[in-house]
Amino acid sequence: FQVDFDAWYEKYMQLEGDERKNFTSPKPDPELVRKMLADSR
């Protein structure tokens, strides 16, 4: 469960200035991860 870096970087290169500066890489939502960890599978 991770970042699709190729897609993220492609979008990043399309931005400029402050938009690029504020365009941070997303991270897995902790609440969702906890639900997944509780799954019996």
PDB file of all heavy atoms in Angstrom:
ATOM      1  N   PHE A   1       0.878  -1.176   0.000  1.00  0.00           N
ATOM      2  CA  PHE A   1       0.000   0.000   0.000  1.00  0.00           C
ATOM      3  C   PHE A   1       0.912   1.221   0.000  1.00  0.00           C
ATOM      4  O   PHE A   1       1.466   1.594   1.033  1.00  0.00           O
ATOM      5  CB  PHE A   1      -0.886  -0.036   1.242  1.00  0.00           C
ATOM      6  CG  PHE A   1      -1.975   1.004   1.279  1.00  0.00           C
ATOM      7  CD1 PHE A   1      -2.260   1.802   0.190  1.00  0.00           C
ATOM      8  CD2 PHE A   1      -2.736   1.176   2.426  1.00  0.00           C
ATOM      9  CE1 PHE A   1      -3.267   2.747   0.230  1.00  0.00           C
ATOM     10  CE2 PHE A   1      -3.746   2.117   2.492  1.00  0.00           C
ATOM     11  CZ  PHE A   1      -4.011   2.898   1.385  1.00  0.00           C
ATOM     12  N   GLN A   2       1.073   1.853  -1.160  1.00  0.00           N
ATOM     13  CA  GLN A   2       2.091   2.879  -1.290  1.00  0.00           C
ATOM     14  C   GLN A   2       1.739   3.878  -2.393  1.00  0.00           C
ATOM     15  O   GLN A   2       0.706   3.759  -3.048  1.00  0.00           O
ATOM     16  CB  GLN A   2       3.436   2.230  -1.619  1.00  0.00           C
ATOM     17  CG  GLN A   2       3.404   1.442  -2.926  1.00  0.00           C
ATOM     18  CD  GLN A   2       4.629   0.571  -3.121  1.00  0.00           C
ATOM     19  OE1 GLN A   2       5.436   0.389  -2.235  1.00  0.00           O
ATOM     20  NE2 GLN A   2       4.770   0.007  -4.318  1.00  0.00           N
ATOM     21  N   VAL A   3       2.632   4.837  -2.593  1.00  0.00           N
ATOM     22  CA  VAL A   3       2.423   5.876  -3.596  1.00  0.00           C
ATOM     23  C   VAL A   3       2.754   5.339  -4.977  1.00  0.00           C
ATOM     24  O   VAL A   3       3.745   4.633  -5.162  1.00  0.00           O
ATOM     25  CB  VAL A   3       3.297   7.111  -3.287  1.00  0.00           C
ATOM     26  CG1 VAL A   3       3.153   8.166  -4.382  1.00  0.00           C
ATOM     27  CG2 VAL A   3       2.928   7.699  -1.940  1.00  0.00           C
ATOM     28  N   ASP A   4       1.905   5.677  -5.930  1.00  0.00           N
ATOM     29  CA  ASP A   4       2.225   5.429  -7.334  1.00  0.00           C
ATOM     30  C   ASP A   4       3.127   6.580  -7.769  1.00  0.00           C
ATOM     31  O   ASP A   4       2.671   7.603  -8.270  1.00  0.00           O
ATOM     32  CB  ASP A   4       0.939   5.385  -8.164  1.00  0.00           C
ATOM     33  CG  ASP A   4       1.205   5.061  -9.629  1.00  0.00           C
ATOM     34  OD1 ASP A   4       2.386   4.988 -10.010  1.00  0.00           O
ATOM     35  OD2 ASP A   4       0.237   4.900 -10.383  1.00  0.00           O
ATOM     36  N   PHE A   5       4.424   6.390  -7.556  1.00  0.00           N
ATOM     37  CA  PHE A   5       5.359   7.503  -7.729  1.00  0.00           C
ATOM     38  C   PHE A   5       5.380   8.017  -9.163  1.00  0.00           C
ATOM     39  O   PHE A   5       5.493   9.232  -9.388  1.00  0.00           O
ATOM     40  CB  PHE A   5       6.775   7.074  -7.323  1.00  0.00           C
ATOM     41  CG  PHE A   5       7.779   8.186  -7.426  1.00  0.00           C
ATOM     42  CD1 PHE A   5       7.844   9.189  -6.464  1.00  0.00           C
ATOM     43  CD2 PHE A   5       8.651   8.245  -8.503  1.00  0.00           C
ATOM     44  CE1 PHE A   5       8.756  10.223  -6.577  1.00  0.00           C
ATOM     45  CE2 PHE A   5       9.581   9.274  -8.617  1.00  0.00           C
ATOM     46  CZ  PHE A   5       9.631  10.267  -7.648  1.00  0.00           C
ATOM     47  N   ASP A   6       5.269   7.132 -10.143  1.00  0.00           N
ATOM     48  CA  ASP A   6       5.299   7.577 -11.541  1.00  0.00           C
ATOM     49  C   ASP A   6       4.150   8.531 -11.835  1.00  0.00           C
ATOM     50  O   ASP A   6       4.339   9.585 -12.462  1.00  0.00           O
ATOM     51  CB  ASP A   6       5.236   6.372 -12.479  1.00  0.00           C
ATOM     52  CG  ASP A   6       6.501   5.531 -12.424  1.00  0.00           C
ATOM     53  OD1 ASP A   6       7.549   6.089 -12.032  1.00  0.00           O
ATOM     54  OD2 ASP A   6       6.447   4.342 -12.755  1.00  0.00           O
ATOM     55  N   ALA A   7       2.934   8.174 -11.387  1.00  0.00           N
ATOM     56  CA  ALA A   7       1.771   9.037 -11.621  1.00  0.00           C
ATOM     57  C   ALA A   7       1.900  10.347 -10.844  1.00  0.00           C
ATOM     58  O   ALA A   7       1.572  11.427 -11.352  1.00  0.00           O
ATOM     59  CB  ALA A   7       0.489   8.302 -11.220  1.00  0.00           C
ATOM     60  N   TRP A   8       2.387  10.224  -9.602  1.00  0.00           N
ATOM     61  CA  TRP A   8       2.536  11.435  -8.785  1.00  0.00           C
ATOM     62  C   TRP A   8       3.582  12.376  -9.389  1.00  0.00           C
ATOM     63  O   TRP A   8       3.378  13.586  -9.466  1.00  0.00           O
ATOM     64  CB  TRP A   8       2.953  11.050  -7.361  1.00  0.00           C
ATOM     65  CG  TRP A   8       3.150  12.238  -6.455  1.00  0.00           C
ATOM     66  CD1 TRP A   8       2.182  12.869  -5.722  1.00  0.00           C
ATOM     67  CD2 TRP A   8       4.368  12.942  -6.209  1.00  0.00           C
ATOM     68  NE1 TRP A   8       2.731  13.923  -5.031  1.00  0.00           N
ATOM     69  CE2 TRP A   8       4.070  13.998  -5.309  1.00  0.00           C
ATOM     70  CE3 TRP A   8       5.676  12.801  -6.642  1.00  0.00           C
ATOM     71  CZ2 TRP A   8       5.035  14.882  -4.849  1.00  0.00           C
ATOM     72  CZ3 TRP A   8       6.640  13.680  -6.195  1.00  0.00           C
ATOM     73  CH2 TRP A   8       6.319  14.707  -5.310  1.00  0.00           C
ATOM     74  N   TYR A   9       4.694  11.837  -9.834  1.00  0.00           N
ATOM     75  CA  TYR A   9       5.763  12.668 -10.392  1.00  0.00           C
ATOM     76  C   TYR A   9       5.329  13.314 -11.707  1.00  0.00           C
ATOM     77  O   TYR A   9       5.684  14.471 -11.989  1.00  0.00           O
ATOM     78  CB  TYR A   9       7.015  11.829 -10.620  1.00  0.00           C
ATOM     79  CG  TYR A   9       8.211  12.626 -11.073  1.00  0.00           C
ATOM     80  CD1 TYR A   9       8.875  13.482 -10.192  1.00  0.00           C
ATOM     81  CD2 TYR A   9       8.669  12.550 -12.388  1.00  0.00           C
ATOM     82  CE1 TYR A   9       9.969  14.227 -10.603  1.00  0.00           C
ATOM     83  CE2 TYR A   9       9.763  13.302 -12.806  1.00  0.00           C
ATOM     84  CZ  TYR A   9      10.404  14.139 -11.907  1.00  0.00           C
ATOM     85  OH  TYR A   9      11.470  14.886 -12.325  1.00  0.00           O
ATOM     86  N   GLU A  10       4.555  12.596 -12.491  1.00  0.00           N
ATOM     87  CA  GLU A  10       4.051  13.174 -13.743  1.00  0.00           C
ATOM     88  C   GLU A  10       3.170  14.393 -13.458  1.00  0.00           C
ATOM     89  O   GLU A  10       3.266  15.412 -14.137  1.00  0.00           O
ATOM     90  CB  GLU A  10       3.260  12.115 -14.508  1.00  0.00           C
ATOM     91  CG  GLU A  10       2.727  12.595 -15.843  1.00  0.00           C
ATOM     92  CD  GLU A  10       1.953  11.519 -16.588  1.00  0.00           C
ATOM     93  OE1 GLU A  10       1.961  10.364 -16.125  1.00  0.00           O
ATOM     94  OE2 GLU A  10       1.348  11.846 -17.625  1.00  0.00           O
ATOM     95  N   LYS A  11       2.319  14.274 -12.439  1.00  0.00           N
ATOM     96  CA  LYS A  11       1.475  15.406 -12.048  1.00  0.00           C
ATOM     97  C   LYS A  11       2.319  16.531 -11.462  1.00  0.00           C
ATOM     98  O   LYS A  11       2.081  17.720 -11.739  1.00  0.00           O
ATOM     99  CB  LYS A  11       0.444  14.930 -11.020  1.00  0.00           C
ATOM    100  CG  LYS A  11      -0.469  16.029 -10.491  1.00  0.00           C
ATOM    101  CD  LYS A  11      -1.390  16.560 -11.572  1.00  0.00           C
ATOM    102  CE  LYS A  11      -2.392  17.555 -10.996  1.00  0.00           C
ATOM    103  NZ  LYS A  11      -3.277  18.114 -12.037  1.00  0.00           N
ATOM    104  N   TYR A  12       3.314  16.157 -10.675  1.00  0.00           N
ATOM    105  CA  TYR A  12       4.186  17.148 -10.045  1.00  0.00           C
ATOM    106  C   TYR A  12       4.895  18.004 -11.095  1.00  0.00           C
ATOM    107  O   TYR A  12       5.015  19.222 -10.945  1.00  0.00           O
ATOM    108  CB  TYR A  12       5.208  16.423  -9.160  1.00  0.00           C
ATOM    109  CG  TYR A  12       6.263  17.309  -8.554  1.00  0.00           C
ATOM    110  CD1 TYR A  12       6.004  18.059  -7.404  1.00  0.00           C
ATOM    111  CD2 TYR A  12       7.535  17.396  -9.125  1.00  0.00           C
ATOM    112  CE1 TYR A  12       6.975  18.874  -6.846  1.00  0.00           C
ATOM    113  CE2 TYR A  12       8.524  18.196  -8.579  1.00  0.00           C
ATOM    114  CZ  TYR A  12       8.230  18.939  -7.436  1.00  0.00           C
ATOM    115  OH  TYR A  12       9.203  19.753  -6.889  1.00  0.00           O
ATOM    116  N   MET A  13       5.356  17.374 -12.161  1.00  0.00           N
ATOM    117  CA  MET A  13       6.075  18.104 -13.199  1.00  0.00           C
ATOM    118  C   MET A  13       5.171  19.034 -13.988  1.00  0.00           C
ATOM    119  O   MET A  13       5.647  19.960 -14.661  1.00  0.00           O
ATOM    120  CB  MET A  13       6.765  17.120 -14.153  1.00  0.00           C
ATOM    121  CG  MET A  13       7.875  16.302 -13.502  1.00  0.00           C
ATOM    122  SD  MET A  13       9.164  17.337 -12.747  1.00  0.00           S
ATOM    123  CE  MET A  13       9.853  18.124 -14.204  1.00  0.00           C
ATOM    124  N   GLN A  14       3.876  18.843 -13.911  1.00  0.00           N
ATOM    125  CA  GLN A  14       2.940  19.725 -14.609  1.00  0.00           C
ATOM    126  C   GLN A  14       2.641  20.999 -13.820  1.00  0.00           C
ATOM    127  O   GLN A  14       2.078  21.945 -14.364  1.00  0.00           O
ATOM    128  CB  GLN A  14       1.633  18.984 -14.889  1.00  0.00           C
ATOM    129  CG  GLN A  14       1.785  17.796 -15.827  1.00  0.00           C
ATOM    130  CD  GLN A  14       0.508  16.993 -15.943  1.00  0.00           C
ATOM    131  OE1 GLN A  14      -0.525  17.320 -15.336  1.00  0.00           O
ATOM    132  NE2 GLN A  14       0.549  15.918 -16.737  1.00  0.00           N
ATOM    133  N   LEU A  15       3.016  21.002 -12.536  1.00  0.00           N
ATOM    134  CA  LEU A  15       2.727  22.150 -11.679  1.00  0.00           C
ATOM    135  C   LEU A  15       3.905  23.111 -11.651  1.00  0.00           C
ATOM    136  O   LEU A  15       5.029  22.753 -11.992  1.00  0.00           O
ATOM    137  CB  LEU A  15       2.404  21.668 -10.252  1.00  0.00           C
ATOM    138  CG  LEU A  15       1.254  20.656 -10.122  1.00  0.00           C
ATOM    139  CD1 LEU A  15       1.113  20.217  -8.678  1.00  0.00           C
ATOM    140  CD2 LEU A  15      -0.050  21.259 -10.630  1.00  0.00           C
ATOM    141  N   GLU A  16       3.625  24.318 -11.197  1.00  0.00           N
ATOM    142  CA  GLU A  16       4.668  25.339 -11.101  1.00  0.00           C
ATOM    143  C   GLU A  16       4.472  26.151  -9.820  1.00  0.00           C
ATOM    144  O   GLU A  16       3.373  26.221  -9.271  1.00  0.00           O
ATOM    145  CB  GLU A  16       4.622  26.269 -12.316  1.00  0.00           C
ATOM    146  CG  GLU A  16       4.933  25.587 -13.638  1.00  0.00           C
ATOM    147  CD  GLU A  16       4.881  26.560 -14.806  1.00  0.00           C
ATOM    148  OE1 GLU A  16       4.525  27.746 -14.577  1.00  0.00           O
ATOM    149  OE2 GLU A  16       5.178  26.144 -15.952  1.00  0.00           O
ATOM    150  N   GLY A  17       5.555  26.775  -9.389  1.00  0.00           N
ATOM    151  CA  GLY A  17       5.498  27.723  -8.269  1.00  0.00           C
ATOM    152  C   GLY A  17       4.971  27.124  -6.994  1.00  0.00           C
ATOM    153  O   GLY A  17       5.372  26.032  -6.563  1.00  0.00           O
ATOM    154  N   ASP A  18       4.036  27.847  -6.354  1.00  0.00           N
ATOM    155  CA  ASP A  18       3.484  27.424  -5.066  1.00  0.00           C
ATOM    156  C   ASP A  18       2.718  26.108  -5.170  1.00  0.00           C
ATOM    157  O   ASP A  18       2.686  25.325  -4.220  1.00  0.00           O
ATOM    158  CB  ASP A  18       2.570  28.520  -4.504  1.00  0.00           C
ATOM    159  CG  ASP A  18       3.346  29.764  -4.089  1.00  0.00           C
ATOM    160  OD1 ASP A  18       4.570  29.633  -3.865  1.00  0.00           O
ATOM    161  OD2 ASP A  18       2.743  30.850  -4.016  1.00  0.00           O
ATOM    162  N   GLU A  19       2.076  25.873  -6.330  1.00  0.00           N
ATOM    163  CA  GLU A  19       1.338  24.620  -6.490  1.00  0.00           C
ATOM    164  C   GLU A  19       2.282  23.429  -6.379  1.00  0.00           C
ATOM    165  O   GLU A  19       1.960  22.433  -5.724  1.00  0.00           O
ATOM    166  CB  GLU A  19       0.637  24.596  -7.848  1.00  0.00           C
ATOM    167  CG  GLU A  19      -0.610  25.456  -7.911  1.00  0.00           C
ATOM    168  CD  GLU A  19      -1.342  25.280  -9.225  1.00  0.00           C
ATOM    169  OE1 GLU A  19      -0.664  25.100 -10.263  1.00  0.00           O
ATOM    170  OE2 GLU A  19      -2.584  25.311  -9.215  1.00  0.00           O
ATOM    171  N   ARG A  20       3.434  23.534  -7.008  1.00  0.00           N
ATOM    172  CA  ARG A  20       4.403  22.450  -6.923  1.00  0.00           C
ATOM    173  C   ARG A  20       4.947  22.304  -5.500  1.00  0.00           C
ATOM    174  O   ARG A  20       5.140  21.192  -5.005  1.00  0.00           O
ATOM    175  CB  ARG A  20       5.554  22.685  -7.906  1.00  0.00           C
ATOM    176  CG  ARG A  20       6.650  21.644  -7.797  1.00  0.00           C
ATOM    177  CD  ARG A  20       7.764  21.885  -8.789  1.00  0.00           C
ATOM    178  NE  ARG A  20       7.366  21.570 -10.152  1.00  0.00           N
ATOM    179  CZ  ARG A  20       8.210  21.498 -11.177  1.00  0.00           C
ATOM    180  NH1 ARG A  20       9.514  21.733 -10.977  1.00  0.00           N
ATOM    181  NH2 ARG A  20       7.785  21.203 -12.392  1.00  0.00           N
ATOM    182  N   LYS A  21       5.182  23.435  -4.845  1.00  0.00           N
ATOM    183  CA  LYS A  21       5.727  23.413  -3.490  1.00  0.00           C
ATOM    184  C   LYS A  21       4.769  22.739  -2.517  1.00  0.00           C
ATOM    185  O   LYS A  21       5.189  22.032  -1.593  1.00  0.00           O
ATOM    186  CB  LYS A  21       6.033  24.846  -3.040  1.00  0.00           C
ATOM    187  CG  LYS A  21       6.657  24.940  -1.664  1.00  0.00           C
ATOM    188  CD  LYS A  21       6.948  26.383  -1.301  1.00  0.00           C
ATOM    189  CE  LYS A  21       7.562  26.495   0.094  1.00  0.00           C
ATOM    190  NZ  LYS A  21       7.829  27.907   0.461  1.00  0.00           N
ATOM    191  N   ASN A  22       3.470  22.963  -2.704  1.00  0.00           N
ATOM    192  CA  ASN A  22       2.463  22.422  -1.785  1.00  0.00           C
ATOM    193  C   ASN A  22       1.954  21.044  -2.201  1.00  0.00           C
ATOM    194  O   ASN A  22       1.127  20.461  -1.513  1.00  0.00           O
ATOM    195  CB  ASN A  22       1.281  23.386  -1.687  1.00  0.00           C
ATOM    196  CG  ASN A  22       1.683  24.734  -1.100  1.00  0.00           C
ATOM    197  OD1 ASN A  22       2.548  24.806  -0.222  1.00  0.00           O
ATOM    198  ND2 ASN A  22       1.071  25.809  -1.586  1.00  0.00           N
ATOM    199  N   PHE A  23       2.426  20.558  -3.339  1.00  0.00           N
ATOM    200  CA  PHE A  23       1.960  19.270  -3.837  1.00  0.00           C
ATOM    201  C   PHE A  23       2.797  18.152  -3.208  1.00  0.00           C
ATOM    202  O   PHE A  23       3.804  17.716  -3.746  1.00  0.00           O
ATOM    203  CB  PHE A  23       2.052  19.233  -5.366  1.00  0.00           C
ATOM    204  CG  PHE A  23       1.437  18.008  -5.982  1.00  0.00           C
ATOM    205  CD1 PHE A  23       0.077  17.771  -5.900  1.00  0.00           C
ATOM    206  CD2 PHE A  23       2.233  17.079  -6.650  1.00  0.00           C
ATOM    207  CE1 PHE A  23      -0.484  16.647  -6.474  1.00  0.00           C
ATOM    208  CE2 PHE A  23       1.682  15.949  -7.226  1.00  0.00           C
ATOM    209  CZ  PHE A  23       0.313  15.736  -7.139  1.00  0.00           C
ATOM    210  N   THR A  24       2.393  17.718  -2.047  1.00  0.00           N
ATOM    211  CA  THR A  24       3.149  16.706  -1.305  1.00  0.00           C
ATOM    212  C   THR A  24       2.673  15.303  -1.660  1.00  0.00           C
ATOM    213  O   THR A  24       1.542  15.098  -2.119  1.00  0.00           O
ATOM    214  CB  THR A  24       2.999  16.912   0.210  1.00  0.00           C
ATOM    215  OG1 THR A  24       1.598  16.858   0.553  1.00  0.00           O
ATOM    216  CG2 THR A  24       3.573  18.258   0.622  1.00  0.00           C
ATOM    217  N   SER A  25       3.531  14.358  -1.429  1.00  0.00           N
ATOM    218  CA  SER A  25       3.210  12.963  -1.714  1.00  0.00           C
ATOM    219  C   SER A  25       2.223  12.429  -0.672  1.00  0.00           C
ATOM    220  O   SER A  25       2.437  12.613   0.529  1.00  0.00           O
ATOM    221  CB  SER A  25       4.492  12.132  -1.695  1.00  0.00           C
ATOM    222  OG  SER A  25       4.201  10.776  -1.899  1.00  0.00           O
ATOM    223  N   PRO A  26       1.134  11.784  -1.077  1.00  0.00           N
ATOM    224  CA  PRO A  26       0.145  11.275  -0.116  1.00  0.00           C
ATOM    225  C   PRO A  26       0.680  10.071   0.650  1.00  0.00           C
ATOM    226  O   PRO A  26       1.637   9.410   0.219  1.00  0.00           O
ATOM    227  CB  PRO A  26      -1.042  10.887  -0.993  1.00  0.00           C
ATOM    228  CG  PRO A  26      -0.421  10.544  -2.310  1.00  0.00           C
ATOM    229  CD  PRO A  26       0.751  11.479  -2.469  1.00  0.00           C
ATOM    230  N   LYS A  27       0.046   9.780   1.766  1.00  0.00           N
ATOM    231  CA  LYS A  27       0.409   8.630   2.587  1.00  0.00           C
ATOM    232  C   LYS A  27      -0.844   7.826   2.916  1.00  0.00           C
ATOM    233  O   LYS A  27      -1.949   8.378   2.947  1.00  0.00           O
ATOM    234  CB  LYS A  27       1.098   9.079   3.884  1.00  0.00           C
ATOM    235  CG  LYS A  27       2.436   9.793   3.668  1.00  0.00           C
ATOM    236  CD  LYS A  27       3.054  10.190   4.989  1.00  0.00           C
ATOM    237  CE  LYS A  27       4.409  10.872   4.783  1.00  0.00           C
ATOM    238  NZ  LYS A  27       5.034  11.250   6.064  1.00  0.00           N
ATOM    239  N   PRO A  28      -0.697   6.535   3.160  1.00  0.00           N
ATOM    240  CA  PRO A  28      -1.857   5.728   3.530  1.00  0.00           C
ATOM    241  C   PRO A  28      -2.553   6.282   4.774  1.00  0.00           C
ATOM    242  O   PRO A  28      -1.896   6.644   5.745  1.00  0.00           O
ATOM    243  CB  PRO A  28      -1.250   4.341   3.808  1.00  0.00           C
ATOM    244  CG  PRO A  28       0.000   4.309   2.983  1.00  0.00           C
ATOM    245  CD  PRO A  28       0.529   5.713   3.014  1.00  0.00           C
ATOM    246  N   ASP A  29      -3.874   6.333   4.716  1.00  0.00           N
ATOM    247  CA  ASP A  29      -4.667   6.839   5.831  1.00  0.00           C
ATOM    248  C   ASP A  29      -4.549   5.881   7.030  1.00  0.00           C
ATOM    249  O   ASP A  29      -4.858   4.687   6.905  1.00  0.00           O
ATOM    250  CB  ASP A  29      -6.130   6.956   5.397  1.00  0.00           C
ATOM    251  CG  ASP A  29      -7.026   7.451   6.520  1.00  0.00           C
ATOM    252  OD1 ASP A  29      -6.514   8.078   7.458  1.00  0.00           O
ATOM    253  OD2 ASP A  29      -8.243   7.194   6.458  1.00  0.00           O
ATOM    254  N   PRO A  30      -4.095   6.371   8.187  1.00  0.00           N
ATOM    255  CA  PRO A  30      -3.928   5.484   9.352  1.00  0.00           C
ATOM    256  C   PRO A  30      -5.204   4.753   9.751  1.00  0.00           C
ATOM    257  O   PRO A  30      -5.146   3.580  10.160  1.00  0.00           O
ATOM    258  CB  PRO A  30      -3.465   6.445  10.463  1.00  0.00           C
ATOM    259  CG  PRO A  30      -2.800   7.566   9.729  1.00  0.00           C
ATOM    260  CD  PRO A  30      -3.594   7.730   8.470  1.00  0.00           C
ATOM    261  N   GLU A  31      -6.354   5.416   9.639  1.00  0.00           N
ATOM    262  CA  GLU A  31      -7.607   4.757  10.020  1.00  0.00           C
ATOM    263  C   GLU A  31      -7.899   3.585   9.080  1.00  0.00           C
ATOM    264  O   GLU A  31      -8.342   2.517   9.525  1.00  0.00           O
ATOM    265  CB  GLU A  31      -8.758   5.766   9.983  1.00  0.00           C
ATOM    266  CG  GLU A  31      -8.694   6.815  11.085  1.00  0.00           C
ATOM    267  CD  GLU A  31      -8.710   6.186  12.475  1.00  0.00           C
ATOM    268  OE1 GLU A  31      -9.469   5.210  12.683  1.00  0.00           O
ATOM    269  OE2 GLU A  31      -7.955   6.644  13.351  1.00  0.00           O
ATOM    270  N   LEU A  32      -7.660   3.784   7.789  1.00  0.00           N
ATOM    271  CA  LEU A  32      -7.873   2.706   6.830  1.00  0.00           C
ATOM    272  C   LEU A  32      -6.896   1.558   7.080  1.00  0.00           C
ATOM    273  O   LEU A  32      -7.274   0.390   7.024  1.00  0.00           O
ATOM    274  CB  LEU A  32      -7.713   3.236   5.405  1.00  0.00           C
ATOM    275  CG  LEU A  32      -7.809   2.195   4.278  1.00  0.00           C
ATOM    276  CD1 LEU A  32      -9.164   1.505   4.310  1.00  0.00           C
ATOM    277  CD2 LEU A  32      -7.560   2.846   2.919  1.00  0.00           C
ATOM    278  N   VAL A  33      -5.657   1.898   7.374  1.00  0.00           N
ATOM    279  CA  VAL A  33      -4.650   0.859   7.630  1.00  0.00           C
ATOM    280  C   VAL A  33      -5.043   0.032   8.850  1.00  0.00           C
ATOM    281  O   VAL A  33      -4.896  -1.194   8.853  1.00  0.00           O
ATOM    282  CB  VAL A  33      -3.256   1.487   7.823  1.00  0.00           C
ATOM    283  CG1 VAL A  33      -2.240   0.422   8.232  1.00  0.00           C
ATOM    284  CG2 VAL A  33      -2.792   2.177   6.549  1.00  0.00           C
ATOM    285  N   ARG A  34      -5.559   0.676   9.877  1.00  0.00           N
ATOM    286  CA  ARG A  34      -5.970  -0.064  11.083  1.00  0.00           C
ATOM    287  C   ARG A  34      -7.113  -1.031  10.773  1.00  0.00           C
ATOM    288  O   ARG A  34      -7.168  -2.144  11.305  1.00  0.00           O
ATOM    289  CB  ARG A  34      -6.366   0.920  12.181  1.00  0.00           C
ATOM    290  CG  ARG A  34      -5.184   1.691  12.767  1.00  0.00           C
ATOM    291  CD  ARG A  34      -5.581   2.517  13.980  1.00  0.00           C
ATOM    292  NE  ARG A  34      -4.430   3.221  14.519  1.00  0.00           N
ATOM    293  CZ  ARG A  34      -4.098   4.468  14.197  1.00  0.00           C
ATOM    294  NH1 ARG A  34      -4.864   5.150  13.347  1.00  0.00           N
ATOM    295  NH2 ARG A  34      -3.033   5.038  14.725  1.00  0.00           N
ATOM    296  N   LYS A  35      -8.042  -0.610   9.910  1.00  0.00           N
ATOM    297  CA  LYS A  35      -9.122  -1.508   9.501  1.00  0.00           C
ATOM    298  C   LYS A  35      -8.562  -2.713   8.741  1.00  0.00           C
ATOM    299  O   LYS A  35      -9.000  -3.849   8.941  1.00  0.00           O
ATOM    300  CB  LYS A  35     -10.128  -0.753   8.620  1.00  0.00           C
ATOM    301  CG  LYS A  35     -10.972   0.266   9.348  1.00  0.00           C
ATOM    302  CD  LYS A  35     -11.947   0.935   8.392  1.00  0.00           C
ATOM    303  CE  LYS A  35     -12.786   1.987   9.109  1.00  0.00           C
ATOM    304  NZ  LYS A  35     -13.728   2.667   8.175  1.00  0.00           N
ATOM    305  N   MET A  36      -7.587  -2.447   7.895  1.00  0.00           N
ATOM    306  CA  MET A  36      -6.980  -3.532   7.128  1.00  0.00           C
ATOM    307  C   MET A  36      -6.220  -4.489   8.035  1.00  0.00           C
ATOM    308  O   MET A  36      -6.251  -5.712   7.841  1.00  0.00           O
ATOM    309  CB  MET A  36      -6.061  -2.943   6.060  1.00  0.00           C
ATOM    310  CG  MET A  36      -6.805  -2.092   5.025  1.00  0.00           C
ATOM    311  SD  MET A  36      -5.713  -1.092   3.990  1.00  0.00           S
ATOM    312  CE  MET A  36      -4.999  -2.354   2.940  1.00  0.00           C
ATOM    313  N   LEU A  37      -5.539  -3.971   9.028  1.00  0.00           N
ATOM    314  CA  LEU A  37      -4.800  -4.814   9.967  1.00  0.00           C
ATOM    315  C   LEU A  37      -5.728  -5.709  10.775  1.00  0.00           C
ATOM    316  O   LEU A  37      -5.360  -6.818  11.170  1.00  0.00           O
ATOM    317  CB  LEU A  37      -3.966  -3.946  10.908  1.00  0.00           C
ATOM    318  CG  LEU A  37      -2.732  -3.269  10.317  1.00  0.00           C
ATOM    319  CD1 LEU A  37      -2.146  -2.278  11.319  1.00  0.00           C
ATOM    320  CD2 LEU A  37      -1.689  -4.297   9.929  1.00  0.00           C
ATOM    321  N   ALA A  38      -6.940  -5.216  11.032  1.00  0.00           N
ATOM    322  CA  ALA A  38      -7.906  -5.999  11.815  1.00  0.00           C
ATOM    323  C   ALA A  38      -8.588  -7.080  10.990  1.00  0.00           C
ATOM    324  O   ALA A  38      -9.286  -7.930  11.540  1.00  0.00           O
ATOM    325  CB  ALA A  38      -8.959  -5.059  12.405  1.00  0.00           C
ATOM    326  N   ASP A  39      -8.384  -7.075   9.682  1.00  0.00           N
ATOM    327  CA  ASP A  39      -8.997  -8.058   8.798  1.00  0.00           C
ATOM    328  C   ASP A  39      -8.374  -9.437   9.058  1.00  0.00           C
ATOM    329  O   ASP A  39      -7.155  -9.573   9.163  1.00  0.00           O
ATOM    330  CB  ASP A  39      -8.787  -7.657   7.339  1.00  0.00           C
ATOM    331  CG  ASP A  39      -9.697  -8.412   6.384  1.00  0.00           C
ATOM    332  OD1 ASP A  39      -9.635  -9.655   6.375  1.00  0.00           O
ATOM    333  OD2 ASP A  39     -10.454  -7.761   5.650  1.00  0.00           O
ATOM    334  N   SER A  40      -9.220 -10.445   9.148  1.00  0.00           N
ATOM    335  CA  SER A  40      -8.739 -11.802   9.458  1.00  0.00           C
ATOM    336  C   SER A  40      -7.876 -12.384   8.344  1.00  0.00           C
ATOM    337  O   SER A  40      -7.155 -13.362   8.565  1.00  0.00           O
ATOM    338  CB  SER A  40      -9.936 -12.730   9.708  1.00  0.00           C
ATOM    339  OG  SER A  40     -10.774 -12.786   8.570  1.00  0.00           O
ATOM    340  N   ARG A  41      -7.931 -11.804   7.148  1.00  0.00           N
ATOM    341  CA  ARG A  41      -7.125 -12.310   6.034  1.00  0.00           C
ATOM    342  C   ARG A  41      -5.669 -11.871   6.122  1.00  0.00           C
ATOM    343  O   ARG A  41      -4.818 -12.399   5.404  1.00  0.00           O
ATOM    344  CB  ARG A  41      -7.727 -11.834   4.705  1.00  0.00           C
ATOM    345  CG  ARG A  41      -9.069 -12.456   4.385  1.00  0.00           C
ATOM    346  CD  ARG A  41      -9.733 -11.803   3.196  1.00  0.00           C
ATOM    347  NE  ARG A  41     -10.181 -10.447   3.502  1.00  0.00           N
ATOM    348  CZ  ARG A  41     -10.907  -9.694   2.688  1.00  0.00           C
ATOM    349  NH1 ARG A  41     -11.250 -10.160   1.500  1.00  0.00           N
ATOM    350  NH2 ARG A  41     -11.289  -8.479   3.041  1.00  0.00           N
TER     351      ARG A  41
END
